[in-house]
Amino acid sequence: MAAQQEKTPITEYTRQVDLEPEVEGWLEKLEKEQTQLAQPVTDDKGQVILDDAQKQAGFKVVLPLTKDEVDQGLRLKVIDSLRWLAEWCLRLIKMFGNKVAYRKA
């Protein structure tokens, strides 16, 4: 005879926290502020971990394939590596939109 497993009901506990008016105003003010780093944040080895986002606004992603190569790669079989490179290029296009450029022929 198999032992029956004991079942415990799952209960979710939530707590509503009411903030004081001056704390709410301070949080809203803090969220609206434009934050800029004086210098980049680095780890103990000197590698940059966090840089100012304003400097990164004008980046451009250059794909490793031309538009024709991407189209040809998408028609290949799944076992071909060029197919997966073309799929990866499509993913980058979806992620970055108009910031993507094809490789020049």
N, C-alpha and C. Protein backbone atom coordinates (compact mmCIF):
# COMPACT_ATOMS: atom_id res chain seq x y z
N MET A 1 0.83 -1.17 0.00
CA MET A 1 0.00 0.00 0.00
C MET A 1 0.89 1.25 0.00
N ALA A 2 0.68 2.16 -0.94
CA ALA A 2 1.50 3.36 -1.06
C ALA A 2 1.02 4.42 -0.07
N ALA A 3 1.99 5.08 0.54
CA ALA A 3 1.66 6.15 1.49
C ALA A 3 1.21 7.38 0.72
N GLN A 4 0.15 7.99 1.20
CA GLN A 4 -0.34 9.20 0.54
C GLN A 4 0.48 10.39 1.01
N GLN A 5 0.79 11.25 0.07
CA GLN A 5 1.58 12.43 0.38
C GLN A 5 0.68 13.50 1.00
N GLU A 6 1.18 14.11 2.05
CA GLU A 6 0.42 15.15 2.74
C GLU A 6 0.38 16.41 1.87
N LYS A 7 -0.79 16.99 1.72
CA LYS A 7 -0.95 18.18 0.89
C LYS A 7 -1.16 19.39 1.79
N THR A 8 -0.40 20.43 1.50
CA THR A 8 -0.53 21.68 2.25
C THR A 8 -1.05 22.74 1.29
N PRO A 9 -2.09 23.46 1.67
CA PRO A 9 -2.60 24.49 0.77
C PRO A 9 -1.58 25.63 0.62
N ILE A 10 -1.51 26.16 -0.58
CA ILE A 10 -0.60 27.27 -0.86
C ILE A 10 -1.35 28.57 -0.58
N THR A 11 -0.79 29.38 0.29
CA THR A 11 -1.41 30.64 0.67
C THR A 11 -0.45 31.77 0.34
N GLU A 12 -0.95 32.80 -0.32
CA GLU A 12 -0.12 33.94 -0.66
C GLU A 12 -0.42 35.07 0.32
N TYR A 13 0.62 35.57 0.93
CA TYR A 13 0.49 36.68 1.85
C TYR A 13 1.05 37.93 1.20
N THR A 14 0.26 38.98 1.16
CA THR A 14 0.73 40.25 0.63
C THR A 14 0.50 41.32 1.68
N ARG A 15 1.34 42.32 1.64
CA ARG A 15 1.22 43.39 2.61
C ARG A 15 1.23 44.71 1.85
N GLN A 16 0.23 45.50 2.06
CA GLN A 16 0.12 46.80 1.43
C GLN A 16 0.83 47.82 2.32
N VAL A 17 1.82 48.49 1.77
CA VAL A 17 2.58 49.46 2.53
C VAL A 17 2.17 50.86 2.07
N ASP A 18 1.72 51.66 3.02
CA ASP A 18 1.38 53.05 2.72
C ASP A 18 2.57 53.92 3.08
N LEU A 19 3.10 54.64 2.09
CA LEU A 19 4.23 55.51 2.33
C LEU A 19 3.74 56.88 2.78
N GLU A 20 4.55 57.54 3.56
CA GLU A 20 4.22 58.89 3.99
C GLU A 20 4.32 59.82 2.78
N PRO A 21 3.55 60.91 2.77
CA PRO A 21 3.53 61.81 1.60
C PRO A 21 4.91 62.35 1.22
N GLU A 22 5.74 62.69 2.21
CA GLU A 22 7.06 63.24 1.88
C GLU A 22 7.97 62.18 1.27
N VAL A 23 7.78 60.93 1.66
CA VAL A 23 8.58 59.85 1.08
C VAL A 23 8.14 59.59 -0.35
N GLU A 24 6.83 59.61 -0.61
CA GLU A 24 6.33 59.41 -1.97
C GLU A 24 6.85 60.50 -2.90
N GLY A 25 6.82 61.74 -2.46
CA GLY A 25 7.31 62.85 -3.27
C GLY A 25 8.80 62.72 -3.56
N TRP A 26 9.55 62.27 -2.57
CA TRP A 26 10.99 62.10 -2.73
C TRP A 26 11.30 61.00 -3.75
N LEU A 27 10.53 59.90 -3.70
CA LEU A 27 10.74 58.81 -4.65
C LEU A 27 10.41 59.25 -6.07
N GLU A 28 9.31 60.00 -6.24
CA GLU A 28 8.96 60.48 -7.57
C GLU A 28 10.03 61.42 -8.10
N LYS A 29 10.54 62.29 -7.26
CA LYS A 29 11.58 63.23 -7.67
C LYS A 29 12.84 62.47 -8.07
N LEU A 30 13.18 61.46 -7.32
CA LEU A 30 14.38 60.67 -7.60
C LEU A 30 14.24 59.90 -8.90
N GLU A 31 13.05 59.38 -9.19
CA GLU A 31 12.83 58.63 -10.43
C GLU A 31 12.88 59.54 -11.65
N LYS A 32 12.48 60.80 -11.53
CA LYS A 32 12.45 61.71 -12.67
C LYS A 32 13.81 62.32 -12.97
N GLU A 33 14.73 62.30 -12.02
CA GLU A 33 16.04 62.92 -12.22
C GLU A 33 16.84 62.22 -13.30
N GLN A 34 17.59 63.01 -14.04
CA GLN A 34 18.54 62.45 -15.01
C GLN A 34 19.82 62.13 -14.25
N THR A 35 20.19 60.88 -14.27
CA THR A 35 21.40 60.49 -13.55
C THR A 35 22.55 60.35 -14.53
N GLN A 36 23.68 60.90 -14.15
CA GLN A 36 24.89 60.79 -14.95
C GLN A 36 26.03 60.42 -14.02
N LEU A 37 26.86 59.50 -14.47
CA LEU A 37 28.01 59.09 -13.68
C LEU A 37 29.17 60.04 -13.95
N ALA A 38 29.88 60.41 -12.89
CA ALA A 38 31.06 61.25 -13.05
C ALA A 38 32.16 60.48 -13.77
N GLN A 39 32.30 59.21 -13.42
CA GLN A 39 33.26 58.34 -14.08
C GLN A 39 32.68 56.93 -14.11
N PRO A 40 33.11 56.09 -15.05
CA PRO A 40 32.54 54.75 -15.15
C PRO A 40 32.81 53.91 -13.91
N VAL A 41 31.89 53.00 -13.61
CA VAL A 41 32.05 52.08 -12.48
C VAL A 41 32.90 50.91 -12.97
N THR A 42 33.95 50.58 -12.21
CA THR A 42 34.84 49.49 -12.59
C THR A 42 34.91 48.47 -11.47
N ASP A 43 35.27 47.24 -11.85
CA ASP A 43 35.46 46.21 -10.83
C ASP A 43 36.88 46.27 -10.30
N ASP A 44 37.26 45.33 -9.44
CA ASP A 44 38.58 45.39 -8.81
C ASP A 44 39.72 45.11 -9.78
N LYS A 45 39.42 44.61 -10.98
CA LYS A 45 40.45 44.38 -11.99
C LYS A 45 40.56 45.54 -12.97
N GLY A 46 39.72 46.55 -12.81
CA GLY A 46 39.76 47.72 -13.67
C GLY A 46 38.87 47.64 -14.90
N GLN A 47 38.09 46.58 -15.03
CA GLN A 47 37.20 46.43 -16.18
C GLN A 47 35.93 47.24 -15.94
N VAL A 48 35.48 47.97 -16.97
CA VAL A 48 34.30 48.82 -16.85
C VAL A 48 33.06 47.94 -16.75
N ILE A 49 32.27 48.17 -15.70
CA ILE A 49 31.03 47.43 -15.48
C ILE A 49 29.84 48.27 -15.91
N LEU A 50 29.83 49.53 -15.54
CA LEU A 50 28.71 50.42 -15.82
C LEU A 50 29.25 51.74 -16.34
N ASP A 51 28.79 52.13 -17.52
CA ASP A 51 29.23 53.37 -18.13
C ASP A 51 28.01 54.27 -18.29
N ASP A 52 28.24 55.53 -18.54
CA ASP A 52 27.15 56.48 -18.70
C ASP A 52 26.32 56.13 -19.94
N ALA A 53 25.02 56.02 -19.77
CA ALA A 53 24.13 55.61 -20.86
C ALA A 53 24.05 56.67 -21.95
N GLN A 54 24.29 57.93 -21.62
CA GLN A 54 24.20 59.00 -22.60
C GLN A 54 25.23 58.82 -23.71
N LYS A 55 26.40 58.30 -23.38
CA LYS A 55 27.45 58.13 -24.37
C LYS A 55 27.13 57.00 -25.34
N GLN A 56 26.31 56.05 -24.93
CA GLN A 56 26.03 54.88 -25.74
C GLN A 56 24.82 55.07 -26.64
N ALA A 57 24.23 56.23 -26.68
CA ALA A 57 22.98 56.44 -27.41
C ALA A 57 23.17 56.34 -28.93
N GLY A 58 24.34 56.66 -29.46
CA GLY A 58 24.52 56.69 -30.90
C GLY A 58 25.22 55.47 -31.47
N PHE A 59 25.04 54.31 -30.89
CA PHE A 59 25.75 53.13 -31.39
C PHE A 59 25.07 52.56 -32.63
N LYS A 60 25.82 51.79 -33.40
CA LYS A 60 25.33 51.14 -34.61
C LYS A 60 25.84 49.71 -34.61
N VAL A 61 24.96 48.75 -34.89
CA VAL A 61 25.33 47.33 -34.95
C VAL A 61 25.54 46.97 -36.41
N VAL A 62 26.73 46.47 -36.74
CA VAL A 62 27.02 46.04 -38.11
C VAL A 62 26.97 44.52 -38.15
N LEU A 63 26.08 43.99 -38.96
CA LEU A 63 25.92 42.54 -39.07
C LEU A 63 27.09 41.93 -39.85
N PRO A 64 27.42 40.67 -39.58
CA PRO A 64 28.54 40.03 -40.28
C PRO A 64 28.20 39.57 -41.70
N LEU A 65 26.95 39.75 -42.14
CA LEU A 65 26.52 39.31 -43.47
C LEU A 65 25.90 40.47 -44.23
N THR A 66 25.92 40.37 -45.56
CA THR A 66 25.19 41.34 -46.38
C THR A 66 23.72 40.92 -46.42
N LYS A 67 22.88 41.79 -46.96
CA LYS A 67 21.45 41.46 -47.04
C LYS A 67 21.23 40.22 -47.91
N ASP A 68 21.95 40.12 -49.03
CA ASP A 68 21.81 38.95 -49.91
C ASP A 68 22.25 37.67 -49.21
N GLU A 69 23.33 37.74 -48.43
CA GLU A 69 23.82 36.56 -47.72
C GLU A 69 22.82 36.11 -46.65
N VAL A 70 22.17 37.06 -46.00
CA VAL A 70 21.14 36.71 -45.01
C VAL A 70 19.98 36.01 -45.70
N ASP A 71 19.54 36.56 -46.84
CA ASP A 71 18.43 35.94 -47.58
C ASP A 71 18.79 34.54 -48.06
N GLN A 72 20.01 34.36 -48.55
CA GLN A 72 20.45 33.03 -49.00
C GLN A 72 20.56 32.08 -47.81
N GLY A 73 21.06 32.57 -46.68
CA GLY A 73 21.23 31.73 -45.51
C GLY A 73 19.90 31.23 -44.95
N LEU A 74 18.86 32.04 -45.06
CA LEU A 74 17.55 31.64 -44.55
C LEU A 74 16.92 30.54 -45.40
N ARG A 75 17.40 30.35 -46.63
CA ARG A 75 16.88 29.29 -47.49
C ARG A 75 17.64 27.98 -47.33
N LEU A 76 18.71 27.97 -46.55
CA LEU A 76 19.50 26.75 -46.36
C LEU A 76 18.83 25.84 -45.33
N LYS A 77 19.36 24.61 -45.24
CA LYS A 77 18.83 23.63 -44.29
C LYS A 77 19.24 24.00 -42.87
N VAL A 78 18.52 23.47 -41.92
CA VAL A 78 18.74 23.78 -40.50
C VAL A 78 20.12 23.33 -40.03
N ILE A 79 20.70 22.33 -40.66
CA ILE A 79 22.00 21.82 -40.21
C ILE A 79 23.17 22.68 -40.68
N ASP A 80 22.93 23.65 -41.55
CA ASP A 80 24.00 24.52 -42.04
C ASP A 80 24.26 25.66 -41.06
N SER A 81 25.54 25.94 -40.83
CA SER A 81 25.89 27.00 -39.89
C SER A 81 25.53 28.38 -40.43
N LEU A 82 25.57 28.54 -41.75
CA LEU A 82 25.20 29.83 -42.33
C LEU A 82 23.73 30.14 -42.07
N ARG A 83 22.90 29.11 -42.01
CA ARG A 83 21.49 29.30 -41.68
C ARG A 83 21.35 29.93 -40.30
N TRP A 84 22.12 29.40 -39.33
CA TRP A 84 22.00 29.90 -37.96
C TRP A 84 22.61 31.29 -37.82
N LEU A 85 23.63 31.59 -38.61
CA LEU A 85 24.18 32.94 -38.59
C LEU A 85 23.16 33.93 -39.14
N ALA A 86 22.44 33.52 -40.18
CA ALA A 86 21.38 34.37 -40.74
C ALA A 86 20.25 34.55 -39.74
N GLU A 87 19.89 33.48 -39.02
CA GLU A 87 18.84 33.58 -37.99
C GLU A 87 19.28 34.53 -36.88
N TRP A 88 20.55 34.45 -36.50
CA TRP A 88 21.08 35.34 -35.46
C TRP A 88 21.03 36.79 -35.93
N CYS A 89 21.33 37.02 -37.21
CA CYS A 89 21.25 38.38 -37.77
C CYS A 89 19.82 38.90 -37.70
N LEU A 90 18.84 38.04 -37.99
CA LEU A 90 17.43 38.46 -37.89
C LEU A 90 17.07 38.82 -36.45
N ARG A 91 17.61 38.07 -35.52
CA ARG A 91 17.34 38.36 -34.10
C ARG A 91 17.90 39.73 -33.73
N LEU A 92 19.10 40.04 -34.19
CA LEU A 92 19.68 41.36 -33.91
C LEU A 92 18.85 42.46 -34.54
N ILE A 93 18.33 42.22 -35.74
CA ILE A 93 17.48 43.21 -36.40
C ILE A 93 16.23 43.46 -35.58
N LYS A 94 15.64 42.39 -35.04
CA LYS A 94 14.44 42.55 -34.21
C LYS A 94 14.76 43.27 -32.90
N MET A 95 15.94 43.01 -32.33
CA MET A 95 16.30 43.62 -31.05
C MET A 95 16.65 45.10 -31.19
N PHE A 96 17.42 45.46 -32.22
CA PHE A 96 17.94 46.82 -32.33
C PHE A 96 17.28 47.66 -33.40
N GLY A 97 16.46 47.07 -34.24
CA GLY A 97 15.68 47.83 -35.21
C GLY A 97 16.52 48.64 -36.18
N ASN A 98 16.31 49.96 -36.19
CA ASN A 98 16.98 50.82 -37.17
C ASN A 98 18.44 51.11 -36.82
N LYS A 99 18.96 50.55 -35.75
CA LYS A 99 20.36 50.74 -35.39
C LYS A 99 21.25 49.66 -36.00
N VAL A 100 20.68 48.83 -36.87
CA VAL A 100 21.42 47.72 -37.48
C VAL A 100 21.77 48.07 -38.92
N ALA A 101 23.00 47.74 -39.31
CA ALA A 101 23.44 47.92 -40.70
C ALA A 101 24.02 46.60 -41.20
N TYR A 102 23.75 46.29 -42.45
CA TYR A 102 24.32 45.09 -43.06
C TYR A 102 25.78 45.36 -43.42
N ARG A 103 26.57 44.29 -43.51
CA ARG A 103 27.96 44.42 -43.93
C ARG A 103 27.96 44.87 -45.38
N LYS A 104 28.92 45.73 -45.73
CA LYS A 104 29.01 46.20 -47.11
C LYS A 104 29.61 45.11 -47.98
N ALA A 105 29.08 44.97 -49.18
CA ALA A 105 29.54 43.90 -50.09
C ALA A 105 30.93 44.16 -50.62
